[in-house]
PDB file of N, CA and C in Angstrom:
ATOM      1  N   MET A   1       8.449   2.274  -6.480  1.00  0.00           N
ATOM      2  CA  MET A   1       8.385   1.693  -5.151  1.00  0.00           C
ATOM      3  C   MET A   1       9.468   2.324  -4.290  1.00  0.00           C
ATOM      4  N   SER A   2       9.170   2.540  -3.021  1.00  0.00           N
ATOM      5  CA  SER A   2      10.119   3.175  -2.113  1.00  0.00           C
ATOM      6  C   SER A   2      10.986   2.134  -1.419  1.00  0.00           C
ATOM      7  N   ASP A   3      11.849   2.625  -0.572  1.00  0.00           N
ATOM      8  CA  ASP A   3      12.727   1.749   0.202  1.00  0.00           C
ATOM      9  C   ASP A   3      12.128   1.409   1.556  1.00  0.00           C
ATOM     10  N   PHE A   4      10.815   1.585   1.710  1.00  0.00           N
ATOM     11  CA  PHE A   4      10.154   1.299   2.985  1.00  0.00           C
ATOM     12  C   PHE A   4      10.359  -0.159   3.356  1.00  0.00           C
ATOM     13  N   LYS A   5      10.603  -0.411   4.632  1.00  0.00           N
ATOM     14  CA  LYS A   5      10.780  -1.779   5.118  1.00  0.00           C
ATOM     15  C   LYS A   5      10.226  -1.864   6.537  1.00  0.00           C
ATOM     16  N   PHE A   6       9.439  -2.902   6.818  1.00  0.00           N
ATOM     17  CA  PHE A   6       8.961  -3.126   8.175  1.00  0.00           C
ATOM     18  C   PHE A   6      10.111  -3.652   9.021  1.00  0.00           C
ATOM     19  N   GLU A   7      10.299  -3.103  10.215  1.00  0.00           N
ATOM     20  CA  GLU A   7      11.270  -3.649  11.172  1.00  0.00           C
ATOM     21  C   GLU A   7      10.719  -4.968  11.720  1.00  0.00           C
ATOM     22  N   VAL A   8       9.426  -4.951  12.054  1.00  0.00           N
ATOM     23  CA  VAL A   8       8.707  -6.142  12.509  1.00  0.00           C
ATOM     24  C   VAL A   8       7.418  -6.181  11.710  1.00  0.00           C
ATOM     25  N   TRP A   9       7.161  -7.297  11.035  1.00  0.00           N
ATOM     26  CA  TRP A   9       5.958  -7.389  10.217  1.00  0.00           C
ATOM     27  C   TRP A   9       4.740  -7.403  11.138  1.00  0.00           C
ATOM     28  N   PRO A  10       3.705  -6.570  10.887  1.00  0.00           N
ATOM     29  CA  PRO A  10       2.586  -6.418  11.822  1.00  0.00           C
ATOM     30  C   PRO A  10       1.529  -7.530  11.790  1.00  0.00           C
ATOM     31  N   THR A  11       1.574  -8.442  10.845  1.00  0.00           N
ATOM     32  CA  THR A  11       0.633  -9.567  10.812  1.00  0.00           C
ATOM     33  C   THR A  11       1.393 -10.828  10.435  1.00  0.00           C
ATOM     34  N   GLU A  12       0.720 -11.970  10.537  1.00  0.00           N
ATOM     35  CA  GLU A  12       1.371 -13.216  10.123  1.00  0.00           C
ATOM     36  C   GLU A  12       1.408 -13.373   8.601  1.00  0.00           C
ATOM     37  N   PHE A  13       0.618 -12.552   7.886  1.00  0.00           N
ATOM     38  CA  PHE A  13       0.624 -12.576   6.426  1.00  0.00           C
ATOM     39  C   PHE A  13       1.650 -11.567   5.922  1.00  0.00           C
ATOM     40  N   ARG A  14       2.634 -12.013   5.203  1.00  0.00           N
ATOM     41  CA  ARG A  14       3.672 -11.119   4.679  1.00  0.00           C
ATOM     42  C   ARG A  14       3.381 -10.794   3.220  1.00  0.00           C
ATOM     43  N   GLN A  15       2.249 -10.121   3.019  1.00  0.00           N
ATOM     44  CA  GLN A  15       1.836  -9.774   1.666  1.00  0.00           C
ATOM     45  C   GLN A  15       1.402  -8.319   1.608  1.00  0.00           C
ATOM     46  N   ILE A  16       1.931  -7.590   0.639  1.00  0.00           N
ATOM     47  CA  ILE A  16       1.502  -6.221   0.389  1.00  0.00           C
ATOM     48  C   ILE A  16       0.507  -6.260  -0.757  1.00  0.00           C
ATOM     49  N   ASN A  17      -0.689  -5.744  -0.513  1.00  0.00           N
ATOM     50  CA  ASN A  17      -1.750  -5.771  -1.520  1.00  0.00           C
ATOM     51  C   ASN A  17      -1.677  -4.601  -2.490  1.00  0.00           C
ATOM     52  N   GLN A  18      -1.250  -3.438  -2.000  1.00  0.00           N
ATOM     53  CA  GLN A  18      -1.186  -2.254  -2.852  1.00  0.00           C
ATOM     54  C   GLN A  18      -0.097  -1.326  -2.318  1.00  0.00           C
ATOM     55  N   TYR A  19       0.811  -0.970  -3.197  1.00  0.00           N
ATOM     56  CA  TYR A  19       1.926  -0.107  -2.820  1.00  0.00           C
ATOM     57  C   TYR A  19       1.556   1.362  -2.952  1.00  0.00           C
ATOM     58  N   PHE A  20       2.316   2.205  -2.270  1.00  0.00           N
ATOM     59  CA  PHE A  20       2.172   3.652  -2.364  1.00  0.00           C
ATOM     60  C   PHE A  20       2.345   4.079  -3.823  1.00  0.00           C
ATOM     61  N   GLY A  21       1.430   4.915  -4.307  1.00  0.00           N
ATOM     62  CA  GLY A  21       1.522   5.454  -5.659  1.00  0.00           C
ATOM     63  C   GLY A  21       0.931   4.585  -6.755  1.00  0.00           C
ATOM     64  N   GLN A  22       0.490   3.377  -6.433  1.00  0.00           N
ATOM     65  CA  GLN A  22      -0.087   2.508  -7.461  1.00  0.00           C
ATOM     66  C   GLN A  22      -1.482   2.976  -7.864  1.00  0.00           C
ATOM     67  N   ASN A  23      -1.922   2.501  -8.992  1.00  0.00           N
ATOM     68  CA  ASN A  23      -3.279   2.696  -9.517  1.00  0.00           C
ATOM     69  C   ASN A  23      -3.697   4.163  -9.613  1.00  0.00           C
ATOM     70  N   PRO A  24      -2.897   4.982 -10.283  1.00  0.00           N
ATOM     71  CA  PRO A  24      -3.255   6.400 -10.390  1.00  0.00           C
ATOM     72  C   PRO A  24      -4.621   6.621 -11.037  1.00  0.00           C
ATOM     73  N   GLN A  25      -5.061   5.737 -11.904  1.00  0.00           N
ATOM     74  CA  GLN A  25      -6.368   5.886 -12.551  1.00  0.00           C
ATOM     75  C   GLN A  25      -7.505   5.826 -11.529  1.00  0.00           C
ATOM     76  N   ASN A  26      -7.321   5.136 -10.424  1.00  0.00           N
ATOM     77  CA  ASN A  26      -8.363   5.037  -9.397  1.00  0.00           C
ATOM     78  C   ASN A  26      -8.381   6.236  -8.453  1.00  0.00           C
ATOM     79  N   TYR A  27      -7.271   6.939  -8.344  1.00  0.00           N
ATOM     80  CA  TYR A  27      -7.149   8.018  -7.362  1.00  0.00           C
ATOM     81  C   TYR A  27      -7.185   9.409  -7.979  1.00  0.00           C
ATOM     82  N   ALA A  28      -7.206   9.496  -9.295  1.00  0.00           N
ATOM     83  CA  ALA A  28      -7.249  10.794  -9.980  1.00  0.00           C
ATOM     84  C   ALA A  28      -8.499  11.584  -9.595  1.00  0.00           C
ATOM     85  N   GLN A  29      -9.617  10.893  -9.374  1.00  0.00           N
ATOM     86  CA  GLN A  29     -10.861  11.575  -8.996  1.00  0.00           C
ATOM     87  C   GLN A  29     -10.748  12.295  -7.654  1.00  0.00           C
ATOM     88  N   PHE A  30      -9.745  11.928  -6.846  1.00  0.00           N
ATOM     89  CA  PHE A  30      -9.506  12.564  -5.548  1.00  0.00           C
ATOM     90  C   PHE A  30      -8.316  13.526  -5.594  1.00  0.00           C
ATOM     91  N   ASN A  31      -7.873  13.836  -6.812  1.00  0.00           N
ATOM     92  CA  ASN A  31      -6.701  14.695  -7.024  1.00  0.00           C
ATOM     93  C   ASN A  31      -5.441  14.135  -6.375  1.00  0.00           C
ATOM     94  N   LEU A  32      -5.315  12.826  -6.378  1.00  0.00           N
ATOM     95  CA  LEU A  32      -4.121  12.165  -5.860  1.00  0.00           C
ATOM     96  C   LEU A  32      -3.366  11.547  -7.027  1.00  0.00           C
ATOM     97  N   PRO A  33      -2.047  11.523  -6.965  1.00  0.00           N
ATOM     98  CA  PRO A  33      -1.268  10.941  -8.055  1.00  0.00           C
ATOM     99  C   PRO A  33      -1.277   9.413  -8.053  1.00  0.00           C
ATOM    100  N   GLY A  34      -1.777   8.813  -6.972  1.00  0.00           N
ATOM    101  CA  GLY A  34      -1.836   7.363  -6.844  1.00  0.00           C
ATOM    102  C   GLY A  34      -2.248   7.016  -5.423  1.00  0.00           C
ATOM    103  N   HIS A  35      -2.188   5.749  -5.100  1.00  0.00           N
ATOM    104  CA  HIS A  35      -2.567   5.282  -3.763  1.00  0.00           C
ATOM    105  C   HIS A  35      -1.738   5.998  -2.710  1.00  0.00           C
ATOM    106  N   ASP A  36      -2.395   6.460  -1.645  1.00  0.00           N
ATOM    107  CA  ASP A  36      -1.713   7.299  -0.660  1.00  0.00           C
ATOM    108  C   ASP A  36      -1.255   6.541   0.583  1.00  0.00           C
ATOM    109  N   GLY A  37      -1.075   5.241   0.458  1.00  0.00           N
ATOM    110  CA  GLY A  37      -0.628   4.450   1.599  1.00  0.00           C
ATOM    111  C   GLY A  37      -0.005   3.149   1.153  1.00  0.00           C
ATOM    112  N   LEU A  38       0.070   2.226   2.080  1.00  0.00           N
ATOM    113  CA  LEU A  38       0.594   0.892   1.835  1.00  0.00           C
ATOM    114  C   LEU A  38      -0.402  -0.077   2.446  1.00  0.00           C
ATOM    115  N   ASP A  39      -1.040  -0.903   1.634  1.00  0.00           N
ATOM    116  CA  ASP A  39      -2.032  -1.850   2.133  1.00  0.00           C
ATOM    117  C   ASP A  39      -1.388  -3.213   2.305  1.00  0.00           C
ATOM    118  N   ILE A  40      -1.591  -3.793   3.490  1.00  0.00           N
ATOM    119  CA  ILE A  40      -1.069  -5.131   3.748  1.00  0.00           C
ATOM    120  C   ILE A  40      -2.224  -6.070   4.057  1.00  0.00           C
ATOM    121  N   MET A  41      -1.999  -7.357   3.828  1.00  0.00           N
ATOM    122  CA  MET A  41      -3.006  -8.354   4.136  1.00  0.00           C
ATOM    123  C   MET A  41      -3.050  -8.543   5.648  1.00  0.00           C
ATOM    124  N   ALA A  42      -4.252  -8.638   6.192  1.00  0.00           N
ATOM    125  CA  ALA A  42      -4.434  -8.860   7.618  1.00  0.00           C
ATOM    126  C   ALA A  42      -5.606  -9.818   7.821  1.00  0.00           C
ATOM    127  N   PRO A  43      -5.582 -10.585   8.896  1.00  0.00           N
ATOM    128  CA  PRO A  43      -6.682 -11.514   9.142  1.00  0.00           C
ATOM    129  C   PRO A  43      -7.975 -10.762   9.430  1.00  0.00           C
ATOM    130  N   THR A  44      -9.094 -11.403   9.103  1.00  0.00           N
ATOM    131  CA  THR A  44     -10.392 -10.774   9.378  1.00  0.00           C
ATOM    132  C   THR A  44     -11.104 -11.496  10.481  1.00  0.00           C
TER     133      THR A  44
END
């Protein structure tokens, strides 16, 4: 996990669903070492 920190949280939900680099088994098919972003919970 990196030292990334939100200055201002972009939604009212303060939950990270998937961190950068997680789940390499899901991203290997795309030649990625893991998840290429940071997923946060947001209202629908």
